[in-house]
Amino acid sequence: MKTTKPESDSAHRDVGVDVDALLAAINEISESEVKRVDGSDDPQRVSVDGRDYHTYTELAEAFELDIQDFRASELNR
């Protein structure tokens, strides 16, 4: 399980997110590949269907998912 580390104020809200589970859910919902944006200074930046998302929270909200469901503490319940 890969989780994010806080590297900025915007990333602070995404601490403890199971990135692999979130990206797998987005892949299933969108039926397209989630791509991490290479060469970006932002480690959370991903692209889905040509749209860029800068945080995992933003990505989850775009697909009407609750980011809390992907926190490590929620997954271990």
C-alpha atoms as a PDB file:
ATOM      1  CA  MET A   1       0.000   0.000   0.000  1.00  0.00           C
ATOM      2  CA  LYS A   2       1.410   3.341  -1.006  1.00  0.00           C
ATOM      3  CA  THR A   3       0.437   6.408   1.007  1.00  0.00           C
ATOM      4  CA  THR A   4       1.217  10.069   0.498  1.00  0.00           C
ATOM      5  CA  LYS A   5       3.597  12.151   2.602  1.00  0.00           C
ATOM      6  CA  PRO A   6       2.908  15.780   3.483  1.00  0.00           C
ATOM      7  CA  GLU A   7       5.130  17.957   1.324  1.00  0.00           C
ATOM      8  CA  SER A   8       3.042  21.108   1.142  1.00  0.00           C
ATOM      9  CA  ASP A   9      -0.061  22.698   2.653  1.00  0.00           C
ATOM     10  CA  SER A  10      -2.294  21.261  -0.071  1.00  0.00           C
ATOM     11  CA  ALA A  11      -0.785  17.813   0.377  1.00  0.00           C
ATOM     12  CA  HIS A  12      -1.356  17.969   4.129  1.00  0.00           C
ATOM     13  CA  ARG A  13      -5.039  17.138   3.681  1.00  0.00           C
ATOM     14  CA  ASP A  14      -4.143  14.010   1.679  1.00  0.00           C
ATOM     15  CA  VAL A  15      -1.876  12.456   4.322  1.00  0.00           C
ATOM     16  CA  GLY A  16      -2.530   8.790   4.876  1.00  0.00           C
ATOM     17  CA  VAL A  17      -4.395   8.255   1.614  1.00  0.00           C
ATOM     18  CA  ASP A  18      -4.029   4.781   0.102  1.00  0.00           C
ATOM     19  CA  VAL A  19      -3.041   6.046  -3.333  1.00  0.00           C
ATOM     20  CA  ASP A  20      -3.180   2.632  -5.000  1.00  0.00           C
ATOM     21  CA  ALA A  21      -6.761   2.027  -3.833  1.00  0.00           C
ATOM     22  CA  LEU A  22      -7.858   5.523  -4.892  1.00  0.00           C
ATOM     23  CA  LEU A  23      -6.308   5.199  -8.348  1.00  0.00           C
ATOM     24  CA  ALA A  24      -7.799   1.713  -8.789  1.00  0.00           C
ATOM     25  CA  ALA A  25     -11.262   3.067  -7.946  1.00  0.00           C
ATOM     26  CA  ILE A  26     -10.823   5.941 -10.415  1.00  0.00           C
ATOM     27  CA  ASN A  27      -9.655   3.481 -13.107  1.00  0.00           C
ATOM     28  CA  GLU A  28     -12.796   1.420 -12.571  1.00  0.00           C
ATOM     29  CA  ILE A  29     -15.151   4.406 -12.569  1.00  0.00           C
ATOM     30  CA  SER A  30     -13.632   6.222 -15.525  1.00  0.00           C
ATOM     31  CA  GLU A  31     -12.821   3.082 -17.538  1.00  0.00           C
ATOM     32  CA  SER A  32      -9.629   4.811 -18.591  1.00  0.00           C
ATOM     33  CA  GLU A  33      -6.081   4.895 -17.320  1.00  0.00           C
ATOM     34  CA  VAL A  34      -5.012   7.227 -14.563  1.00  0.00           C
ATOM     35  CA  LYS A  35      -1.564   8.538 -15.418  1.00  0.00           C
ATOM     36  CA  ARG A  36       0.861  10.185 -13.058  1.00  0.00           C
ATOM     37  CA  VAL A  37       2.217  13.343 -14.666  1.00  0.00           C
ATOM     38  CA  ASP A  38       5.947  12.808 -15.171  1.00  0.00           C
ATOM     39  CA  GLY A  39       8.351  15.702 -14.778  1.00  0.00           C
ATOM     40  CA  SER A  40       5.980  17.558 -12.486  1.00  0.00           C
ATOM     41  CA  ASP A  41       7.158  19.209  -9.274  1.00  0.00           C
ATOM     42  CA  ASP A  42       3.891  18.037  -7.722  1.00  0.00           C
ATOM     43  CA  PRO A  43       4.062  14.315  -6.790  1.00  0.00           C
ATOM     44  CA  GLN A  44       0.261  14.093  -6.495  1.00  0.00           C
ATOM     45  CA  ARG A  45      -0.440  15.366  -9.998  1.00  0.00           C
ATOM     46  CA  VAL A  46      -2.321  12.871 -12.162  1.00  0.00           C
ATOM     47  CA  SER A  47      -4.157  12.964 -15.467  1.00  0.00           C
ATOM     48  CA  VAL A  48      -7.429  11.191 -16.340  1.00  0.00           C
ATOM     49  CA  ASP A  49      -8.942  11.488 -19.803  1.00  0.00           C
ATOM     50  CA  GLY A  50      -6.688  14.475 -20.529  1.00  0.00           C
ATOM     51  CA  ARG A  51      -7.686  16.392 -17.406  1.00  0.00           C
ATOM     52  CA  ASP A  52      -5.040  17.181 -14.800  1.00  0.00           C
ATOM     53  CA  TYR A  53      -5.689  16.949 -11.067  1.00  0.00           C
ATOM     54  CA  HIS A  54      -3.195  18.456  -8.625  1.00  0.00           C
ATOM     55  CA  THR A  55      -4.246  16.720  -5.391  1.00  0.00           C
ATOM     56  CA  TYR A  56      -5.798  13.381  -4.558  1.00  0.00           C
ATOM     57  CA  THR A  57      -8.651  15.217  -2.830  1.00  0.00           C
ATOM     58  CA  GLU A  58      -9.399  17.107  -6.045  1.00  0.00           C
ATOM     59  CA  LEU A  59      -9.286  13.842  -8.002  1.00  0.00           C
ATOM     60  CA  ALA A  60     -11.632  12.065  -5.588  1.00  0.00           C
ATOM     61  CA  GLU A  61     -14.105  14.953  -5.623  1.00  0.00           C
ATOM     62  CA  ALA A  62     -14.136  15.021  -9.428  1.00  0.00           C
ATOM     63  CA  PHE A  63     -15.305  11.406  -9.422  1.00  0.00           C
ATOM     64  CA  GLU A  64     -17.704  11.933  -6.491  1.00  0.00           C
ATOM     65  CA  LEU A  65     -15.661   9.806  -4.099  1.00  0.00           C
ATOM     66  CA  ASP A  66     -15.070  10.591  -0.433  1.00  0.00           C
ATOM     67  CA  ILE A  67     -11.314  10.836   0.138  1.00  0.00           C
ATOM     68  CA  GLN A  68     -11.929   9.694   3.739  1.00  0.00           C
ATOM     69  CA  ASP A  69     -12.813   6.242   2.379  1.00  0.00           C
ATOM     70  CA  PHE A  70      -9.231   5.895   1.120  1.00  0.00           C
ATOM     71  CA  ARG A  71      -7.412   6.818   4.304  1.00  0.00           C
ATOM     72  CA  ALA A  72      -5.310   4.016   5.772  1.00  0.00           C
ATOM     73  CA  SER A  73      -7.300   4.171   9.006  1.00  0.00           C
ATOM     74  CA  GLU A  74     -10.558   3.585   7.109  1.00  0.00           C
ATOM     75  CA  LEU A  75      -9.155   0.672   5.135  1.00  0.00           C
ATOM     76  CA  ASN A  76      -8.067  -1.138   8.281  1.00  0.00           C
ATOM     77  CA  ARG A  77     -11.540  -1.119   9.863  1.00  0.00           C
END
